[in-house]
C-alpha atoms as a PDB file:
ATOM      1  CA  MET A   1      -4.508  49.339 -27.289  1.00  0.00           C
ATOM      2  CA  SER A   2      -4.667  46.060 -25.457  1.00  0.00           C
ATOM      3  CA  LEU A   3      -1.555  43.902 -24.977  1.00  0.00           C
ATOM      4  CA  LYS A   4      -3.038  41.231 -27.260  1.00  0.00           C
ATOM      5  CA  SER A   5      -3.640  43.791 -30.023  1.00  0.00           C
ATOM      6  CA  TRP A   6      -0.097  45.142 -29.629  1.00  0.00           C
ATOM      7  CA  PHE A   7       1.464  41.676 -30.171  1.00  0.00           C
ATOM      8  CA  ALA A   8      -0.802  41.079 -33.171  1.00  0.00           C
ATOM      9  CA  SER A   9       0.312  44.401 -34.659  1.00  0.00           C
ATOM     10  CA  LYS A  10       4.007  43.553 -34.171  1.00  0.00           C
ATOM     11  CA  ARG A  11       3.509  40.134 -35.757  1.00  0.00           C
ATOM     12  CA  GLN A  12       1.792  41.702 -38.776  1.00  0.00           C
ATOM     13  CA  SER A  13       4.631  44.206 -39.185  1.00  0.00           C
ATOM     14  CA  LYS A  14       7.207  41.383 -39.266  1.00  0.00           C
ATOM     15  CA  LEU A  15       5.207  39.498 -41.873  1.00  0.00           C
ATOM     16  CA  GLU A  16       5.029  42.609 -44.075  1.00  0.00           C
ATOM     17  CA  LEU A  17       8.799  43.071 -43.856  1.00  0.00           C
ATOM     18  CA  ASP A  18       9.579  39.346 -44.277  1.00  0.00           C
ATOM     19  CA  PRO A  19       6.588  37.699 -46.023  1.00  0.00           C
ATOM     20  CA  GLN A  20       8.422  34.410 -46.670  1.00  0.00           C
ATOM     21  CA  GLY A  21       9.644  34.083 -43.115  1.00  0.00           C
ATOM     22  CA  MET A  22      13.279  33.901 -44.267  1.00  0.00           C
ATOM     23  CA  ASN A  23      14.633  35.497 -41.100  1.00  0.00           C
ATOM     24  CA  GLN A  24      12.805  33.216 -38.702  1.00  0.00           C
ATOM     25  CA  ASN A  25      14.918  30.778 -36.688  1.00  0.00           C
ATOM     26  CA  LEU A  26      15.311  27.338 -38.236  1.00  0.00           C
ATOM     27  CA  SER A  27      13.781  24.418 -36.392  1.00  0.00           C
ATOM     28  CA  ASP A  28      16.040  21.533 -35.336  1.00  0.00           C
ATOM     29  CA  GLU A  29      14.574  19.418 -38.136  1.00  0.00           C
ATOM     30  CA  ASP A  30      15.287  22.109 -40.765  1.00  0.00           C
ATOM     31  CA  PHE A  31      18.793  22.590 -39.404  1.00  0.00           C
ATOM     32  CA  GLU A  32      19.561  18.848 -39.665  1.00  0.00           C
ATOM     33  CA  ARG A  33      18.380  18.843 -43.262  1.00  0.00           C
ATOM     34  CA  LEU A  34      20.764  21.652 -44.198  1.00  0.00           C
ATOM     35  CA  TRP A  35      23.801  20.923 -42.016  1.00  0.00           C
ATOM     36  CA  THR A  36      25.843  17.830 -41.139  1.00  0.00           C
ATOM     37  CA  GLN A  37      27.928  17.422 -37.989  1.00  0.00           C
ATOM     38  CA  CYS A  38      31.039  15.253 -38.104  1.00  0.00           C
ATOM     39  CA  TYR A  39      31.034  12.490 -35.474  1.00  0.00           C
ATOM     40  CA  ASN A  40      34.829  12.676 -35.214  1.00  0.00           C
ATOM     41  CA  CYS A  41      35.740  16.376 -35.041  1.00  0.00           C
ATOM     42  CA  SER A  42      32.253  17.759 -34.203  1.00  0.00           C
ATOM     43  CA  GLN A  43      32.537  20.428 -36.894  1.00  0.00           C
ATOM     44  CA  ARG A  44      29.370  21.389 -38.791  1.00  0.00           C
ATOM     45  CA  PHE A  45      29.288  21.733 -42.570  1.00  0.00           C
ATOM     46  CA  PRO A  46      26.584  22.440 -45.133  1.00  0.00           C
ATOM     47  CA  LYS A  47      25.142  19.045 -46.059  1.00  0.00           C
ATOM     48  CA  LYS A  48      25.650  19.725 -49.762  1.00  0.00           C
ATOM     49  CA  GLN A  49      29.367  20.330 -49.192  1.00  0.00           C
ATOM     50  CA  VAL A  50      29.748  16.963 -47.431  1.00  0.00           C
ATOM     51  CA  GLU A  51      27.773  15.164 -50.155  1.00  0.00           C
ATOM     52  CA  GLU A  52      29.951  16.715 -52.864  1.00  0.00           C
ATOM     53  CA  ASN A  53      32.967  15.419 -50.920  1.00  0.00           C
ATOM     54  CA  LEU A  54      31.582  11.827 -51.181  1.00  0.00           C
ATOM     55  CA  MET A  55      30.328  11.949 -47.575  1.00  0.00           C
ATOM     56  CA  VAL A  56      33.821  12.514 -46.192  1.00  0.00           C
ATOM     57  CA  CYS A  57      34.402  15.241 -43.594  1.00  0.00           C
ATOM     58  CA  PRO A  58      36.164  18.186 -45.297  1.00  0.00           C
ATOM     59  CA  ASP A  59      38.072  18.951 -42.079  1.00  0.00           C
ATOM     60  CA  CYS A  60      39.284  15.673 -40.538  1.00  0.00           C
ATOM     61  CA  GLY A  61      38.605  13.156 -43.331  1.00  0.00           C
ATOM     62  CA  TYR A  62      36.106  11.081 -41.333  1.00  0.00           C
ATOM     63  CA  HIS A  63      34.209   8.694 -43.626  1.00  0.00           C
ATOM     64  CA  PHE A  64      30.458   8.764 -42.965  1.00  0.00           C
ATOM     65  CA  ARG A  65      28.455   5.586 -43.521  1.00  0.00           C
ATOM     66  CA  ILE A  66      26.676   5.687 -46.846  1.00  0.00           C
ATOM     67  CA  SER A  67      23.834   3.702 -48.358  1.00  0.00           C
ATOM     68  CA  ALA A  68      24.242   0.976 -50.966  1.00  0.00           C
ATOM     69  CA  ARG A  69      22.732   3.232 -53.641  1.00  0.00           C
ATOM     70  CA  GLU A  70      25.168   6.037 -52.806  1.00  0.00           C
ATOM     71  CA  ARG A  71      28.073   3.598 -52.925  1.00  0.00           C
ATOM     72  CA  ILE A  72      27.012   2.257 -56.314  1.00  0.00           C
ATOM     73  CA  GLU A  73      26.737   5.791 -57.656  1.00  0.00           C
ATOM     74  CA  GLN A  74      30.263   6.536 -56.430  1.00  0.00           C
ATOM     75  CA  LEU A  75      31.845   3.356 -57.813  1.00  0.00           C
ATOM     76  CA  THR A  76      30.130   2.939 -61.184  1.00  0.00           C
ATOM     77  CA  GLU A  77      29.185   4.772 -64.332  1.00  0.00           C
ATOM     78  CA  ARG A  78      26.563   2.217 -65.283  1.00  0.00           C
ATOM     79  CA  PHE A  79      24.797  -0.390 -63.153  1.00  0.00           C
ATOM     80  CA  SER A  80      22.292  -3.110 -64.029  1.00  0.00           C
ATOM     81  CA  GLU A  81      20.690  -4.605 -60.917  1.00  0.00           C
ATOM     82  CA  LEU A  82      20.075  -8.352 -60.524  1.00  0.00           C
ATOM     83  CA  ASP A  83      17.442 -10.090 -58.367  1.00  0.00           C
ATOM     84  CA  ALA A  84      16.005  -6.739 -57.307  1.00  0.00           C
ATOM     85  CA  ASP A  85      12.705  -8.129 -55.973  1.00  0.00           C
ATOM     86  CA  MET A  86      14.089 -10.897 -53.768  1.00  0.00           C
ATOM     87  CA  LYS A  87      12.809 -10.512 -50.179  1.00  0.00           C
ATOM     88  CA  PRO A  88      13.346 -12.472 -46.939  1.00  0.00           C
ATOM     89  CA  GLN A  89      10.849 -14.979 -45.543  1.00  0.00           C
ATOM     90  CA  ASP A  90      10.270 -15.953 -41.920  1.00  0.00           C
ATOM     91  CA  PRO A  91      11.134 -19.691 -41.789  1.00  0.00           C
ATOM     92  CA  LEU A  92      11.251 -19.838 -37.977  1.00  0.00           C
ATOM     93  CA  GLY A  93       8.277 -17.619 -37.182  1.00  0.00           C
ATOM     94  CA  PHE A  94      10.737 -15.631 -35.063  1.00  0.00           C
ATOM     95  CA  TYR A  95       9.409 -13.191 -32.478  1.00  0.00           C
ATOM     96  CA  ASP A  96      11.185 -11.125 -29.813  1.00  0.00           C
ATOM     97  CA  SER A  97       9.940  -7.587 -29.117  1.00  0.00           C
ATOM     98  CA  GLU A  98       8.079  -7.851 -32.442  1.00  0.00           C
ATOM     99  CA  SER A  99       7.831 -10.353 -35.279  1.00  0.00           C
ATOM    100  CA  TYR A 100      10.619 -10.800 -37.818  1.00  0.00           C
ATOM    101  CA  SER A 101       8.266  -9.780 -40.622  1.00  0.00           C
ATOM    102  CA  GLN A 102       7.567  -6.488 -38.810  1.00  0.00           C
ATOM    103  CA  LYS A 103      11.321  -5.893 -38.427  1.00  0.00           C
ATOM    104  CA  THR A 104      11.986  -6.478 -42.123  1.00  0.00           C
ATOM    105  CA  GLN A 105       9.122  -4.174 -43.076  1.00  0.00           C
ATOM    106  CA  LYS A 106      10.545  -1.369 -40.932  1.00  0.00           C
ATOM    107  CA  ALA A 107      14.046  -2.054 -42.291  1.00  0.00           C
ATOM    108  CA  GLU A 108      12.730  -1.751 -45.845  1.00  0.00           C
ATOM    109  CA  GLU A 109      11.074   1.575 -45.038  1.00  0.00           C
ATOM    110  CA  LYS A 110      14.257   2.866 -43.382  1.00  0.00           C
ATOM    111  CA  SER A 111      16.723   1.785 -46.076  1.00  0.00           C
ATOM    112  CA  GLY A 112      14.512   1.873 -49.160  1.00  0.00           C
ATOM    113  CA  LEU A 113      15.757  -1.631 -50.010  1.00  0.00           C
ATOM    114  CA  PRO A 114      14.072  -5.067 -49.916  1.00  0.00           C
ATOM    115  CA  GLU A 115      17.225  -6.622 -48.394  1.00  0.00           C
ATOM    116  CA  ALA A 116      20.636  -5.768 -46.969  1.00  0.00           C
ATOM    117  CA  ILE A 117      22.512  -6.089 -50.271  1.00  0.00           C
ATOM    118  CA  VAL A 118      22.206  -4.797 -53.826  1.00  0.00           C
ATOM    119  CA  THR A 119      23.836  -6.880 -56.573  1.00  0.00           C
ATOM    120  CA  GLY A 120      24.308  -6.353 -60.291  1.00  0.00           C
ATOM    121  CA  LEU A 121      26.659  -5.792 -63.213  1.00  0.00           C
ATOM    122  CA  ALA A 122      28.670  -2.585 -63.051  1.00  0.00           C
ATOM    123  CA  GLN A 123      30.798  -0.663 -65.485  1.00  0.00           C
ATOM    124  CA  ILE A 124      33.615   1.897 -65.157  1.00  0.00           C
ATOM    125  CA  GLN A 125      34.633   3.287 -68.544  1.00  0.00           C
ATOM    126  CA  ASP A 126      35.302   0.169 -70.649  1.00  0.00           C
ATOM    127  CA  ILE A 127      35.597  -2.242 -67.712  1.00  0.00           C
ATOM    128  CA  GLU A 128      32.652  -4.425 -66.640  1.00  0.00           C
ATOM    129  CA  TYR A 129      32.561  -6.314 -63.359  1.00  0.00           C
ATOM    130  CA  ALA A 130      30.085  -7.956 -60.982  1.00  0.00           C
ATOM    131  CA  LEU A 131      29.285  -5.817 -57.936  1.00  0.00           C
ATOM    132  CA  GLY A 132      27.551  -6.446 -54.634  1.00  0.00           C
ATOM    133  CA  VAL A 133      27.078  -3.672 -52.063  1.00  0.00           C
ATOM    134  CA  MET A 134      25.732  -4.139 -48.536  1.00  0.00           C
ATOM    135  CA  ASP A 135      23.665  -1.532 -46.688  1.00  0.00           C
ATOM    136  CA  PHE A 136      24.012  -1.227 -42.900  1.00  0.00           C
ATOM    137  CA  ALA A 137      20.688   0.614 -42.672  1.00  0.00           C
ATOM    138  CA  TYR A 138      18.833  -2.661 -43.343  1.00  0.00           C
ATOM    139  CA  LEU A 139      18.949  -4.540 -40.013  1.00  0.00           C
ATOM    140  CA  GLY A 140      22.600  -3.659 -39.504  1.00  0.00           C
ATOM    141  CA  GLY A 141      23.557  -5.136 -42.869  1.00  0.00           C
ATOM    142  CA  SER A 142      22.990  -8.592 -41.393  1.00  0.00           C
ATOM    143  CA  MET A 143      23.440 -11.674 -43.564  1.00  0.00           C
ATOM    144  CA  GLY A 144      20.316 -13.770 -44.001  1.00  0.00           C
ATOM    145  CA  SER A 145      19.213 -16.329 -46.577  1.00  0.00           C
ATOM    146  CA  VAL A 146      18.482 -13.714 -49.242  1.00  0.00           C
ATOM    147  CA  VAL A 147      21.882 -12.062 -48.843  1.00  0.00           C
ATOM    148  CA  GLY A 148      23.581 -15.441 -49.240  1.00  0.00           C
ATOM    149  CA  GLU A 149      21.449 -16.337 -52.255  1.00  0.00           C
ATOM    150  CA  LYS A 150      22.024 -13.016 -53.998  1.00  0.00           C
ATOM    151  CA  ILE A 151      25.784 -13.244 -53.490  1.00  0.00           C
ATOM    152  CA  THR A 152      25.818 -16.829 -54.786  1.00  0.00           C
ATOM    153  CA  ARG A 153      23.860 -15.847 -57.884  1.00  0.00           C
ATOM    154  CA  LEU A 154      26.183 -12.886 -58.422  1.00  0.00           C
ATOM    155  CA  VAL A 155      29.214 -15.198 -58.257  1.00  0.00           C
ATOM    156  CA  GLU A 156      27.579 -17.551 -60.766  1.00  0.00           C
ATOM    157  CA  LYS A 157      26.890 -14.606 -63.086  1.00  0.00           C
ATOM    158  CA  ALA A 158      30.543 -13.516 -62.794  1.00  0.00           C
ATOM    159  CA  ILE A 159      31.694 -17.027 -63.758  1.00  0.00           C
ATOM    160  CA  GLU A 160      29.235 -17.168 -66.651  1.00  0.00           C
ATOM    161  CA  LYS A 161      30.389 -13.824 -68.057  1.00  0.00           C
ATOM    162  CA  GLN A 162      34.068 -14.234 -67.024  1.00  0.00           C
ATOM    163  CA  LEU A 163      34.037 -11.077 -64.916  1.00  0.00           C
ATOM    164  CA  ALA A 164      35.917  -9.931 -61.842  1.00  0.00           C
ATOM    165  CA  LEU A 165      33.819  -9.756 -58.658  1.00  0.00           C
ATOM    166  CA  VAL A 166      33.717  -6.901 -56.129  1.00  0.00           C
ATOM    167  CA  ILE A 167      31.729  -7.097 -52.887  1.00  0.00           C
ATOM    168  CA  VAL A 168      31.520  -4.075 -50.577  1.00  0.00           C
ATOM    169  CA  SER A 169      30.712  -5.249 -47.051  1.00  0.00           C
ATOM    170  CA  SER A 170      29.122  -3.320 -44.198  1.00  0.00           C
ATOM    171  CA  SER A 171      27.558  -5.663 -41.684  1.00  0.00           C
ATOM    172  CA  GLY A 172      27.107  -6.649 -38.076  1.00  0.00           C
ATOM    173  CA  GLY A 173      27.220 -10.347 -39.013  1.00  0.00           C
ATOM    174  CA  ALA A 174      24.758 -13.209 -39.406  1.00  0.00           C
ATOM    175  CA  ARG A 175      21.041 -12.495 -38.923  1.00  0.00           C
ATOM    176  CA  MET A 176      19.905 -14.099 -35.676  1.00  0.00           C
ATOM    177  CA  GLN A 177      16.216 -14.092 -36.662  1.00  0.00           C
ATOM    178  CA  GLU A 178      16.940 -16.787 -39.269  1.00  0.00           C
ATOM    179  CA  GLY A 179      19.041 -18.986 -36.980  1.00  0.00           C
ATOM    180  CA  THR A 180      20.880 -21.841 -38.735  1.00  0.00           C
ATOM    181  CA  PHE A 181      19.525 -20.718 -42.112  1.00  0.00           C
ATOM    182  CA  SER A 182      21.627 -17.588 -41.729  1.00  0.00           C
ATOM    183  CA  LEU A 183      24.758 -19.417 -40.571  1.00  0.00           C
ATOM    184  CA  MET A 184      24.586 -21.753 -43.570  1.00  0.00           C
ATOM    185  CA  GLN A 185      25.088 -18.761 -45.858  1.00  0.00           C
ATOM    186  CA  MET A 186      28.712 -18.676 -44.725  1.00  0.00           C
ATOM    187  CA  VAL A 187      29.251 -22.122 -46.238  1.00  0.00           C
ATOM    188  CA  LYS A 188      27.112 -21.373 -49.283  1.00  0.00           C
ATOM    189  CA  THR A 189      28.916 -18.180 -50.253  1.00  0.00           C
ATOM    190  CA  GLY A 190      32.308 -19.737 -49.493  1.00  0.00           C
ATOM    191  CA  SER A 191      31.567 -22.657 -51.820  1.00  0.00           C
ATOM    192  CA  ALA A 192      30.479 -20.289 -54.587  1.00  0.00           C
ATOM    193  CA  LEU A 193      33.668 -18.244 -54.209  1.00  0.00           C
ATOM    194  CA  ALA A 194      35.751 -21.433 -54.392  1.00  0.00           C
ATOM    195  CA  LYS A 195      34.265 -22.038 -57.872  1.00  0.00           C
ATOM    196  CA  LEU A 196      35.134 -18.455 -58.832  1.00  0.00           C
ATOM    197  CA  HIS A 197      38.701 -19.103 -57.658  1.00  0.00           C
ATOM    198  CA  GLU A 198      38.917 -22.310 -59.695  1.00  0.00           C
ATOM    199  CA  ALA A 199      37.727 -20.400 -62.762  1.00  0.00           C
ATOM    200  CA  GLY A 200      40.731 -18.071 -62.428  1.00  0.00           C
ATOM    201  CA  LEU A 201      38.618 -14.987 -61.786  1.00  0.00           C
ATOM    202  CA  LEU A 202      39.441 -12.115 -59.457  1.00  0.00           C
ATOM    203  CA  TYR A 203      37.527 -11.406 -56.264  1.00  0.00           C
ATOM    204  CA  ILE A 204      38.101  -8.051 -54.532  1.00  0.00           C
ATOM    205  CA  SER A 205      36.571  -7.669 -51.079  1.00  0.00           C
ATOM    206  CA  VAL A 206      36.080  -4.089 -49.884  1.00  0.00           C
ATOM    207  CA  LEU A 207      35.564  -3.834 -46.123  1.00  0.00           C
ATOM    208  CA  THR A 208      33.842  -0.669 -44.912  1.00  0.00           C
ATOM    209  CA  GLU A 209      32.593   0.714 -41.591  1.00  0.00           C
ATOM    210  CA  PRO A 210      31.651  -1.576 -39.889  1.00  0.00           C
ATOM    211  CA  THR A 211      32.245  -5.203 -40.956  1.00  0.00           C
ATOM    212  CA  PHE A 212      31.936  -7.848 -38.242  1.00  0.00           C
ATOM    213  CA  GLY A 213      30.735 -11.338 -37.369  1.00  0.00           C
ATOM    214  CA  GLY A 214      29.795 -13.974 -39.904  1.00  0.00           C
ATOM    215  CA  VAL A 215      30.419 -11.679 -42.868  1.00  0.00           C
ATOM    216  CA  THR A 216      34.025 -11.126 -41.803  1.00  0.00           C
ATOM    217  CA  ALA A 217      34.334 -14.869 -41.163  1.00  0.00           C
ATOM    218  CA  SER A 218      33.091 -15.755 -44.665  1.00  0.00           C
ATOM    219  CA  TYR A 219      33.070 -13.834 -47.937  1.00  0.00           C
ATOM    220  CA  GLY A 220      34.350 -10.656 -46.295  1.00  0.00           C
ATOM    221  CA  THR A 221      37.868 -12.066 -45.943  1.00  0.00           C
ATOM    222  CA  LEU A 222      37.949 -14.615 -48.775  1.00  0.00           C
ATOM    223  CA  GLY A 223      38.992 -12.112 -51.424  1.00  0.00           C
ATOM    224  CA  ASP A 224      42.104 -12.376 -53.569  1.00  0.00           C
ATOM    225  CA  ILE A 225      42.612  -8.726 -52.627  1.00  0.00           C
ATOM    226  CA  LEU A 226      41.298  -7.264 -49.363  1.00  0.00           C
ATOM    227  CA  ILE A 227      40.733  -3.509 -49.355  1.00  0.00           C
ATOM    228  CA  ALA A 228      39.731  -1.649 -46.218  1.00  0.00           C
ATOM    229  CA  GLU A 229      38.162   1.765 -46.575  1.00  0.00           C
ATOM    230  CA  GLU A 230      39.952   4.392 -44.501  1.00  0.00           C
ATOM    231  CA  GLY A 231      38.641   4.552 -40.942  1.00  0.00           C
ATOM    232  CA  ALA A 232      36.676   1.301 -41.117  1.00  0.00           C
ATOM    233  CA  ARG A 233      36.372  -1.002 -38.107  1.00  0.00           C
ATOM    234  CA  ILE A 234      36.718  -4.666 -39.030  1.00  0.00           C
ATOM    235  CA  GLY A 235      36.662  -7.785 -36.872  1.00  0.00           C
ATOM    236  CA  PHE A 236      34.768 -10.855 -35.739  1.00  0.00           C
ATOM    237  CA  ALA A 237      33.681 -10.243 -32.141  1.00  0.00           C
ATOM    238  CA  GLY A 238      33.241  -6.725 -30.827  1.00  0.00           C
ATOM    239  CA  ARG A 239      35.918  -4.930 -28.828  1.00  0.00           C
ATOM    240  CA  ARG A 240      34.000  -5.023 -25.527  1.00  0.00           C
ATOM    241  CA  VAL A 241      33.315  -8.770 -25.809  1.00  0.00           C
ATOM    242  CA  ILE A 242      37.012  -9.486 -26.424  1.00  0.00           C
ATOM    243  CA  GLU A 243      38.130  -7.332 -23.496  1.00  0.00           C
ATOM    244  CA  GLN A 244      35.669  -9.053 -21.162  1.00  0.00           C
ATOM    245  CA  THR A 245      36.843 -12.474 -22.374  1.00  0.00           C
ATOM    246  CA  ILE A 246      40.624 -11.967 -22.115  1.00  0.00           C
ATOM    247  CA  ARG A 247      40.355  -9.504 -19.184  1.00  0.00           C
ATOM    248  CA  GLN A 248      42.802  -7.090 -20.814  1.00  0.00           C
ATOM    249  CA  LYS A 249      42.568  -3.649 -22.365  1.00  0.00           C
ATOM    250  CA  LEU A 250      43.044  -3.634 -26.117  1.00  0.00           C
ATOM    251  CA  PRO A 251      45.052  -1.039 -28.095  1.00  0.00           C
ATOM    252  CA  VAL A 252      43.153   2.157 -28.949  1.00  0.00           C
ATOM    253  CA  ASP A 253      43.396   1.453 -32.697  1.00  0.00           C
ATOM    254  CA  PHE A 254      42.441  -2.227 -32.382  1.00  0.00           C
ATOM    255  CA  GLN A 255      40.238  -3.506 -35.265  1.00  0.00           C
ATOM    256  CA  THR A 256      40.729  -0.341 -37.318  1.00  0.00           C
ATOM    257  CA  ALA A 257      41.732  -0.457 -40.981  1.00  0.00           C
ATOM    258  CA  ASP A 258      45.269   0.803 -40.277  1.00  0.00           C
ATOM    259  CA  TYR A 259      45.740  -1.722 -37.468  1.00  0.00           C
ATOM    260  CA  LEU A 260      44.751  -4.593 -39.764  1.00  0.00           C
ATOM    261  CA  LEU A 261      47.081  -3.323 -42.485  1.00  0.00           C
ATOM    262  CA  LYS A 262      49.955  -3.133 -40.008  1.00  0.00           C
ATOM    263  CA  TYR A 263      49.538  -6.826 -39.133  1.00  0.00           C
ATOM    264  CA  GLY A 264      48.931  -8.033 -42.689  1.00  0.00           C
ATOM    265  CA  GLN A 265      45.220  -8.798 -42.403  1.00  0.00           C
ATOM    266  CA  VAL A 266      44.268  -6.536 -45.323  1.00  0.00           C
ATOM    267  CA  ASP A 267      46.237  -5.691 -48.453  1.00  0.00           C
ATOM    268  CA  MET A 268      45.580  -1.966 -48.604  1.00  0.00           C
ATOM    269  CA  VAL A 269      43.722   0.902 -46.957  1.00  0.00           C
ATOM    270  CA  VAL A 270      42.091   3.219 -49.492  1.00  0.00           C
ATOM    271  CA  HIS A 271      40.512   6.646 -49.084  1.00  0.00           C
ATOM    272  CA  ARG A 272      36.989   6.878 -50.492  1.00  0.00           C
ATOM    273  CA  HIS A 273      38.139   9.403 -53.092  1.00  0.00           C
ATOM    274  CA  GLN A 274      40.588   6.847 -54.559  1.00  0.00           C
ATOM    275  CA  LEU A 275      38.413   3.728 -54.276  1.00  0.00           C
ATOM    276  CA  LYS A 276      36.824   3.909 -57.736  1.00  0.00           C
ATOM    277  CA  ASP A 277      40.171   4.386 -59.511  1.00  0.00           C
ATOM    278  CA  THR A 278      41.757   1.626 -57.424  1.00  0.00           C
ATOM    279  CA  LEU A 279      39.042  -0.862 -58.398  1.00  0.00           C
ATOM    280  CA  TYR A 280      39.289   0.176 -62.046  1.00  0.00           C
ATOM    281  CA  ASN A 281      43.056  -0.363 -62.138  1.00  0.00           C
ATOM    282  CA  LEU A 282      42.898  -3.755 -60.408  1.00  0.00           C
ATOM    283  CA  VAL A 283      40.057  -5.090 -62.568  1.00  0.00           C
ATOM    284  CA  GLN A 284      41.682  -3.771 -65.744  1.00  0.00           C
ATOM    285  CA  LEU A 285      44.978  -5.485 -64.834  1.00  0.00           C
ATOM    286  CA  HIS A 286      43.119  -8.735 -64.207  1.00  0.00           C
ATOM    287  CA  GLN A 287      41.263  -8.569 -67.511  1.00  0.00           C
ATOM    288  CA  LYS A 288      44.483  -7.944 -69.428  1.00  0.00           C
ATOM    289  CA  SER A 289      46.167 -10.885 -67.666  1.00  0.00           C
ATOM    290  CA  LEU A 290      43.138 -13.053 -68.357  1.00  0.00           C
ATOM    291  CA  ALA A 291      43.205 -12.151 -72.051  1.00  0.00           C
ATOM    292  CA  ILE A 292      46.906 -12.950 -72.361  1.00  0.00           C
ATOM    293  CA  ALA A 293      47.274 -16.059 -70.197  1.00  0.00           C
ATOM    294  CA  GLY A 294      43.756 -17.482 -69.933  1.00  0.00           C
ATOM    295  CA  PRO A 295      42.012 -18.536 -66.693  1.00  0.00           C
ATOM    296  CA  SER A 296      43.932 -21.774 -66.053  1.00  0.00           C
ATOM    297  CA  ALA A 297      47.387 -20.279 -66.620  1.00  0.00           C
ATOM    298  CA  LEU A 298      46.543 -17.230 -64.519  1.00  0.00           C
ATOM    299  CA  ARG A 299      45.326 -19.415 -61.661  1.00  0.00           C
ATOM    300  CA  GLN A 300      48.569 -21.455 -61.768  1.00  0.00           C
ATOM    301  CA  VAL A 301      50.570 -18.226 -61.402  1.00  0.00           C
ATOM    302  CA  VAL A 302      48.433 -17.067 -58.464  1.00  0.00           C
ATOM    303  CA  ASN A 303      48.711 -20.429 -56.707  1.00  0.00           C
ATOM    304  CA  SER A 304      52.489 -20.467 -57.117  1.00  0.00           C
ATOM    305  CA  VAL A 305      52.967 -17.085 -55.428  1.00  0.00           C
END
């Protein structure tokens, strides 16, 4: 028997014993589909186990980044999306390594979303509220004209229906490919939120990993209540830029959720497992206060504190 025939015979014997190939080694791609490695503790867990734990590491509690759709599923029992088909344009004809339109097309394929935010009306049990959730997978969750417009329309819908507003941020900041058009969204969203404030309605800003730049400098930190998800990094400029500017080393925990809580820059740090219940309790309390006192009286109490 030739060597070639011998190998063919051995291969055939293995197939007869294991026709489905169940004992063959998994490829790297198959392994990644079935297992998830924690970036913090480097432990590996079955992907299903991590998903059932709301994408939180079962060992060290590290919070993985999640998509806007996953976040909505975690925070709501019913969700009706608004302005779902709104997509960005290219007002500047921007081009660097590739055109802006090519970048947005790739971002849409990667994230499965037409823009970096999903907005709509959400419900938890008997409580309805307006919800906006950003997705870092779409161009780093950057804020362009569409993001600003969708947030503004969401605020207007909250005022119209007398609802509390919740925005979950995850962003690298303003979108450079839209230049001044992007920066103007800071003013636009801030003006809309001022009207929400005057109407006596609650705005809860949830800051998740990571939230930086123009988003932090605008609607990200304009909430009546600022909640940071456990482990999130939050700031304006990045750590390395600050260190190079001031020529000093920053604390290890600088710009983390716990650091911001320590210095009074957020109101609470909440684990992902408790976030839904926390939002429910806060919105329910606001609705009860609104029903008893009315918007104007409630706003007078808030302003006096």
